[in-house]
Amino acid sequence: MRVVEKPWGHEEIWAETSRYAGKFLVIRRGEILSRQYHERKEETVCVLEGILRLEVGRNPPEVRFLKPGEVFHVTPGTVHRFGADDCDVRLVEVSTPELDDVVRLEDKYVR
């Protein structure tokens, strides 16, 4: 397993092939990922622990809260953002292999 530290927590990449990828994301309480979309990457996330703040779309985004066991599918071009408001969040993500396909529209960490 490969761990990638992020300003909002970390990723644990447990599968990375030419056809698919799998990783756990751990988002620390009070942190938020960038508002982003992917040009090619397609992903599905399932919340394992905590309550995931999910923002979908823009101007203004729709805000949803996903509990453990709830799933969200992200198709290419879908603007989305994940966050952890009141507690740490752990989720599993399976996706196509384009892990660096991230177009950031807004980022708390100015990346």
N, C-alpha and C. Protein backbone atom coordinates (compact mmCIF):
# COMPACT_ATOMS: atom_id res chain seq x y z
N MET A 1 0.86 -1.17 0.00
CA MET A 1 0.00 0.00 0.00
C MET A 1 0.91 1.24 0.00
N ARG A 2 0.51 2.22 -0.80
CA ARG A 2 1.27 3.47 -0.90
C ARG A 2 0.46 4.58 -0.23
N VAL A 3 1.05 5.29 0.72
CA VAL A 3 0.39 6.38 1.43
C VAL A 3 0.86 7.70 0.83
N VAL A 4 -0.11 8.55 0.48
CA VAL A 4 0.19 9.87 -0.07
C VAL A 4 -0.38 10.91 0.89
N GLU A 5 0.50 11.65 1.54
CA GLU A 5 0.07 12.70 2.47
C GLU A 5 -0.53 13.86 1.69
N LYS A 6 -1.61 14.41 2.22
CA LYS A 6 -2.31 15.54 1.62
C LYS A 6 -2.52 16.59 2.71
N PRO A 7 -2.74 17.85 2.37
CA PRO A 7 -2.96 18.86 3.41
C PRO A 7 -4.24 18.64 4.20
N TRP A 8 -5.19 17.89 3.64
CA TRP A 8 -6.48 17.62 4.30
C TRP A 8 -6.52 16.27 5.00
N GLY A 9 -5.46 15.46 4.87
CA GLY A 9 -5.42 14.11 5.45
C GLY A 9 -4.46 13.26 4.65
N HIS A 10 -4.92 12.09 4.16
CA HIS A 10 -4.05 11.27 3.32
C HIS A 10 -4.85 10.27 2.49
N GLU A 11 -4.18 9.73 1.48
CA GLU A 11 -4.71 8.67 0.64
C GLU A 11 -3.88 7.41 0.87
N GLU A 12 -4.56 6.27 0.89
CA GLU A 12 -3.89 4.98 0.98
C GLU A 12 -4.22 4.24 -0.32
N ILE A 13 -3.30 4.22 -1.25
CA ILE A 13 -3.55 3.60 -2.56
C ILE A 13 -3.23 2.12 -2.44
N TRP A 14 -4.28 1.30 -2.58
CA TRP A 14 -4.12 -0.15 -2.40
C TRP A 14 -4.20 -0.92 -3.71
N ALA A 15 -4.58 -0.26 -4.79
CA ALA A 15 -4.59 -0.91 -6.12
C ALA A 15 -4.32 0.15 -7.16
N GLU A 16 -3.40 -0.14 -8.08
CA GLU A 16 -3.09 0.81 -9.15
C GLU A 16 -2.61 0.00 -10.35
N THR A 17 -3.48 -0.13 -11.34
CA THR A 17 -3.15 -0.89 -12.54
C THR A 17 -3.42 -0.01 -13.75
N SER A 18 -3.20 -0.56 -14.93
CA SER A 18 -3.47 0.20 -16.15
C SER A 18 -4.97 0.31 -16.43
N ARG A 19 -5.81 -0.43 -15.69
CA ARG A 19 -7.25 -0.43 -15.96
C ARG A 19 -8.10 0.13 -14.83
N TYR A 20 -7.59 0.13 -13.58
CA TYR A 20 -8.37 0.62 -12.45
C TYR A 20 -7.45 1.00 -11.30
N ALA A 21 -8.04 1.72 -10.32
CA ALA A 21 -7.31 2.09 -9.10
C ALA A 21 -8.25 1.99 -7.92
N GLY A 22 -7.68 1.74 -6.75
CA GLY A 22 -8.46 1.70 -5.52
C GLY A 22 -7.69 2.39 -4.41
N LYS A 23 -8.39 3.19 -3.61
CA LYS A 23 -7.71 3.86 -2.51
C LYS A 23 -8.69 4.19 -1.41
N PHE A 24 -8.14 4.34 -0.21
CA PHE A 24 -8.88 4.87 0.92
C PHE A 24 -8.49 6.34 1.04
N LEU A 25 -9.45 7.19 1.35
CA LEU A 25 -9.18 8.59 1.65
C LEU A 25 -9.55 8.82 3.10
N VAL A 26 -8.67 9.48 3.84
CA VAL A 26 -8.95 9.87 5.21
C VAL A 26 -8.92 11.39 5.24
N ILE A 27 -10.07 11.99 5.52
CA ILE A 27 -10.21 13.45 5.56
C ILE A 27 -10.35 13.85 7.02
N ARG A 28 -9.44 14.69 7.49
CA ARG A 28 -9.49 15.13 8.89
C ARG A 28 -10.66 16.08 9.13
N ARG A 29 -11.19 16.01 10.33
CA ARG A 29 -12.29 16.89 10.75
C ARG A 29 -11.94 18.34 10.46
N GLY A 30 -12.88 19.06 9.85
CA GLY A 30 -12.70 20.47 9.55
C GLY A 30 -11.99 20.74 8.23
N GLU A 31 -11.58 19.69 7.53
CA GLU A 31 -10.84 19.87 6.27
C GLU A 31 -11.74 19.64 5.06
N ILE A 32 -11.30 20.14 3.92
CA ILE A 32 -12.07 20.04 2.68
C ILE A 32 -11.11 19.90 1.50
N LEU A 33 -11.46 19.08 0.55
CA LEU A 33 -10.66 18.91 -0.66
C LEU A 33 -10.98 20.04 -1.63
N SER A 34 -10.28 20.10 -2.74
CA SER A 34 -10.54 21.14 -3.73
C SER A 34 -11.87 20.89 -4.45
N ARG A 35 -12.50 21.99 -4.88
CA ARG A 35 -13.64 21.87 -5.80
C ARG A 35 -13.01 21.53 -7.14
N GLN A 36 -13.43 20.42 -7.75
CA GLN A 36 -12.71 19.89 -8.90
C GLN A 36 -13.62 19.11 -9.83
N TYR A 37 -13.04 18.79 -10.97
CA TYR A 37 -13.66 17.82 -11.87
C TYR A 37 -12.54 17.07 -12.57
N HIS A 38 -12.91 15.99 -13.24
CA HIS A 38 -11.95 15.17 -13.97
C HIS A 38 -12.35 15.16 -15.44
N GLU A 39 -11.37 15.24 -16.31
CA GLU A 39 -11.65 15.19 -17.74
C GLU A 39 -11.89 13.76 -18.22
N ARG A 40 -11.15 12.79 -17.67
CA ARG A 40 -11.27 11.39 -18.09
C ARG A 40 -11.62 10.45 -16.94
N LYS A 41 -11.12 10.75 -15.76
CA LYS A 41 -11.27 9.85 -14.62
C LYS A 41 -12.73 9.72 -14.21
N GLU A 42 -13.14 8.48 -13.93
CA GLU A 42 -14.47 8.18 -13.41
C GLU A 42 -14.26 7.45 -12.09
N GLU A 43 -15.03 7.81 -11.08
CA GLU A 43 -14.82 7.22 -9.76
C GLU A 43 -16.13 7.00 -9.02
N THR A 44 -16.10 6.05 -8.09
CA THR A 44 -17.21 5.81 -7.19
C THR A 44 -16.63 5.75 -5.79
N VAL A 45 -17.28 6.47 -4.86
CA VAL A 45 -16.83 6.46 -3.46
C VAL A 45 -17.92 5.86 -2.59
N CYS A 46 -17.47 5.21 -1.52
CA CYS A 46 -18.37 4.66 -0.51
C CYS A 46 -17.84 5.10 0.85
N VAL A 47 -18.69 5.72 1.65
CA VAL A 47 -18.28 6.19 2.97
C VAL A 47 -18.16 4.99 3.91
N LEU A 48 -17.03 4.91 4.59
CA LEU A 48 -16.80 3.84 5.56
C LEU A 48 -17.02 4.30 6.99
N GLU A 49 -16.53 5.51 7.31
CA GLU A 49 -16.65 6.07 8.66
C GLU A 49 -16.88 7.57 8.57
N GLY A 50 -17.68 8.10 9.50
CA GLY A 50 -17.94 9.53 9.56
C GLY A 50 -19.05 9.95 8.61
N ILE A 51 -19.25 11.26 8.52
CA ILE A 51 -20.26 11.85 7.64
C ILE A 51 -19.53 12.69 6.60
N LEU A 52 -19.65 12.29 5.34
CA LEU A 52 -18.97 12.98 4.25
C LEU A 52 -19.81 14.16 3.78
N ARG A 53 -19.19 15.33 3.75
CA ARG A 53 -19.82 16.50 3.12
C ARG A 53 -19.51 16.40 1.64
N LEU A 54 -20.54 16.38 0.82
CA LEU A 54 -20.40 16.26 -0.62
C LEU A 54 -21.05 17.47 -1.26
N GLU A 55 -20.28 18.20 -2.04
CA GLU A 55 -20.80 19.32 -2.82
C GLU A 55 -20.75 18.91 -4.28
N VAL A 56 -21.87 19.09 -4.98
CA VAL A 56 -21.96 18.69 -6.38
C VAL A 56 -22.47 19.87 -7.20
N GLY A 57 -21.81 20.13 -8.33
CA GLY A 57 -22.21 21.24 -9.21
C GLY A 57 -21.59 22.54 -8.76
N ARG A 58 -22.08 23.63 -9.35
CA ARG A 58 -21.54 24.94 -9.02
C ARG A 58 -22.63 26.00 -9.05
N ASN A 59 -22.33 27.11 -8.43
CA ASN A 59 -23.11 28.36 -8.49
C ASN A 59 -24.59 28.25 -8.14
N PRO A 60 -24.98 27.93 -6.96
CA PRO A 60 -24.20 27.32 -5.88
C PRO A 60 -24.24 25.80 -6.00
N PRO A 61 -23.29 25.12 -5.39
CA PRO A 61 -23.32 23.66 -5.43
C PRO A 61 -24.43 23.12 -4.54
N GLU A 62 -24.91 21.93 -4.90
CA GLU A 62 -25.84 21.21 -4.03
C GLU A 62 -25.00 20.54 -2.94
N VAL A 63 -25.42 20.65 -1.69
CA VAL A 63 -24.68 20.06 -0.58
C VAL A 63 -25.47 18.86 -0.06
N ARG A 64 -24.78 17.72 0.03
CA ARG A 64 -25.36 16.49 0.56
C ARG A 64 -24.46 15.98 1.67
N PHE A 65 -25.01 15.16 2.54
CA PHE A 65 -24.23 14.52 3.60
C PHE A 65 -24.44 13.02 3.49
N LEU A 66 -23.33 12.29 3.29
CA LEU A 66 -23.41 10.85 3.11
C LEU A 66 -22.92 10.14 4.37
N LYS A 67 -23.69 9.15 4.80
CA LYS A 67 -23.37 8.35 5.99
C LYS A 67 -22.66 7.07 5.57
N PRO A 68 -22.07 6.35 6.54
CA PRO A 68 -21.42 5.09 6.21
C PRO A 68 -22.35 4.17 5.41
N GLY A 69 -21.79 3.60 4.36
CA GLY A 69 -22.53 2.71 3.48
C GLY A 69 -23.14 3.41 2.28
N GLU A 70 -23.19 4.74 2.29
CA GLU A 70 -23.76 5.47 1.16
C GLU A 70 -22.69 5.69 0.10
N VAL A 71 -23.14 5.73 -1.16
CA VAL A 71 -22.26 5.72 -2.32
C VAL A 71 -22.57 6.91 -3.22
N PHE A 72 -21.52 7.42 -3.88
CA PHE A 72 -21.69 8.48 -4.88
C PHE A 72 -20.79 8.16 -6.06
N HIS A 73 -21.33 8.30 -7.27
CA HIS A 73 -20.60 8.03 -8.51
C HIS A 73 -20.28 9.36 -9.19
N VAL A 74 -19.02 9.55 -9.55
CA VAL A 74 -18.56 10.79 -10.19
C VAL A 74 -18.19 10.47 -11.64
N THR A 75 -18.93 11.05 -12.57
CA THR A 75 -18.61 10.88 -13.98
C THR A 75 -17.69 12.02 -14.43
N PRO A 76 -16.92 11.83 -15.50
CA PRO A 76 -16.05 12.90 -15.99
C PRO A 76 -16.86 14.19 -16.22
N GLY A 77 -16.29 15.31 -15.80
CA GLY A 77 -16.93 16.60 -15.97
C GLY A 77 -17.81 17.02 -14.81
N THR A 78 -18.10 16.13 -13.86
CA THR A 78 -18.93 16.46 -12.71
C THR A 78 -18.11 17.25 -11.70
N VAL A 79 -18.52 18.48 -11.41
CA VAL A 79 -17.84 19.30 -10.41
C VAL A 79 -18.24 18.76 -9.04
N HIS A 80 -17.24 18.49 -8.19
CA HIS A 80 -17.52 17.92 -6.88
C HIS A 80 -16.45 18.34 -5.88
N ARG A 81 -16.81 18.18 -4.60
CA ARG A 81 -15.89 18.50 -3.51
C ARG A 81 -16.28 17.66 -2.30
N PHE A 82 -15.27 17.09 -1.63
CA PHE A 82 -15.50 16.29 -0.43
C PHE A 82 -14.97 17.04 0.79
N GLY A 83 -15.63 16.84 1.93
CA GLY A 83 -15.16 17.46 3.16
C GLY A 83 -15.61 16.69 4.38
N ALA A 84 -15.03 17.05 5.52
CA ALA A 84 -15.36 16.44 6.81
C ALA A 84 -15.64 17.58 7.78
N ASP A 85 -16.90 17.76 8.14
CA ASP A 85 -17.26 18.87 9.01
C ASP A 85 -16.99 18.60 10.49
N ASP A 86 -17.67 17.61 11.06
CA ASP A 86 -17.67 17.41 12.51
C ASP A 86 -16.80 16.27 13.01
N CYS A 87 -16.36 15.39 12.12
CA CYS A 87 -15.54 14.26 12.52
C CYS A 87 -14.70 13.81 11.33
N ASP A 88 -13.65 13.04 11.62
CA ASP A 88 -12.85 12.50 10.52
C ASP A 88 -13.73 11.61 9.65
N VAL A 89 -13.39 11.55 8.36
CA VAL A 89 -14.12 10.72 7.41
C VAL A 89 -13.14 9.77 6.74
N ARG A 90 -13.58 8.54 6.58
CA ARG A 90 -12.80 7.53 5.84
C ARG A 90 -13.71 6.99 4.76
N LEU A 91 -13.23 7.00 3.53
CA LEU A 91 -14.02 6.46 2.43
C LEU A 91 -13.14 5.63 1.53
N VAL A 92 -13.77 4.78 0.74
CA VAL A 92 -13.05 3.99 -0.24
C VAL A 92 -13.44 4.52 -1.61
N GLU A 93 -12.46 4.62 -2.49
CA GLU A 93 -12.70 5.09 -3.85
C GLU A 93 -12.17 4.05 -4.83
N VAL A 94 -12.98 3.70 -5.80
CA VAL A 94 -12.52 2.90 -6.93
C VAL A 94 -12.69 3.76 -8.16
N SER A 95 -11.72 3.68 -9.08
CA SER A 95 -11.76 4.59 -10.21
C SER A 95 -11.02 4.02 -11.40
N THR A 96 -11.16 4.73 -12.51
CA THR A 96 -10.30 4.48 -13.65
C THR A 96 -8.89 4.96 -13.23
N PRO A 97 -7.84 4.59 -13.96
CA PRO A 97 -6.48 4.79 -13.45
C PRO A 97 -5.89 6.19 -13.55
N GLU A 98 -6.62 7.17 -14.04
CA GLU A 98 -6.03 8.51 -14.25
C GLU A 98 -5.99 9.31 -12.94
N LEU A 99 -5.15 8.90 -12.00
CA LEU A 99 -5.13 9.50 -10.67
C LEU A 99 -4.71 10.97 -10.67
N ASP A 100 -3.97 11.42 -11.65
CA ASP A 100 -3.54 12.81 -11.70
C ASP A 100 -4.47 13.71 -12.52
N ASP A 101 -5.58 13.17 -12.97
CA ASP A 101 -6.56 13.94 -13.76
C ASP A 101 -7.46 14.74 -12.83
N VAL A 102 -6.95 15.89 -12.38
CA VAL A 102 -7.69 16.76 -11.46
C VAL A 102 -7.63 18.18 -12.00
N VAL A 103 -8.79 18.77 -12.26
CA VAL A 103 -8.87 20.18 -12.64
C VAL A 103 -9.45 20.90 -11.43
N ARG A 104 -8.62 21.67 -10.73
CA ARG A 104 -9.06 22.37 -9.52
C ARG A 104 -9.69 23.70 -9.89
N LEU A 105 -10.89 23.93 -9.37
CA LEU A 105 -11.59 25.19 -9.58
C LEU A 105 -11.44 26.11 -8.38
N GLU A 106 -11.27 25.52 -7.21
CA GLU A 106 -11.11 26.27 -5.96
C GLU A 106 -10.36 25.35 -5.00
N ASP A 107 -9.39 25.91 -4.25
CA ASP A 107 -8.61 25.07 -3.36
C ASP A 107 -8.17 25.86 -2.14
N LYS A 108 -8.56 25.40 -0.97
CA LYS A 108 -8.20 26.02 0.30
C LYS A 108 -6.68 26.09 0.47
N TYR A 109 -5.96 25.16 -0.13
CA TYR A 109 -4.52 25.03 0.05
C TYR A 109 -3.72 25.63 -1.09
N VAL A 110 -4.37 26.30 -2.04
CA VAL A 110 -3.75 27.00 -3.15
C VAL A 110 -2.75 26.10 -3.89
N ARG A 111 -3.24 24.94 -4.33
CA ARG A 111 -2.40 24.04 -5.11
C ARG A 111 -2.64 24.26 -6.58
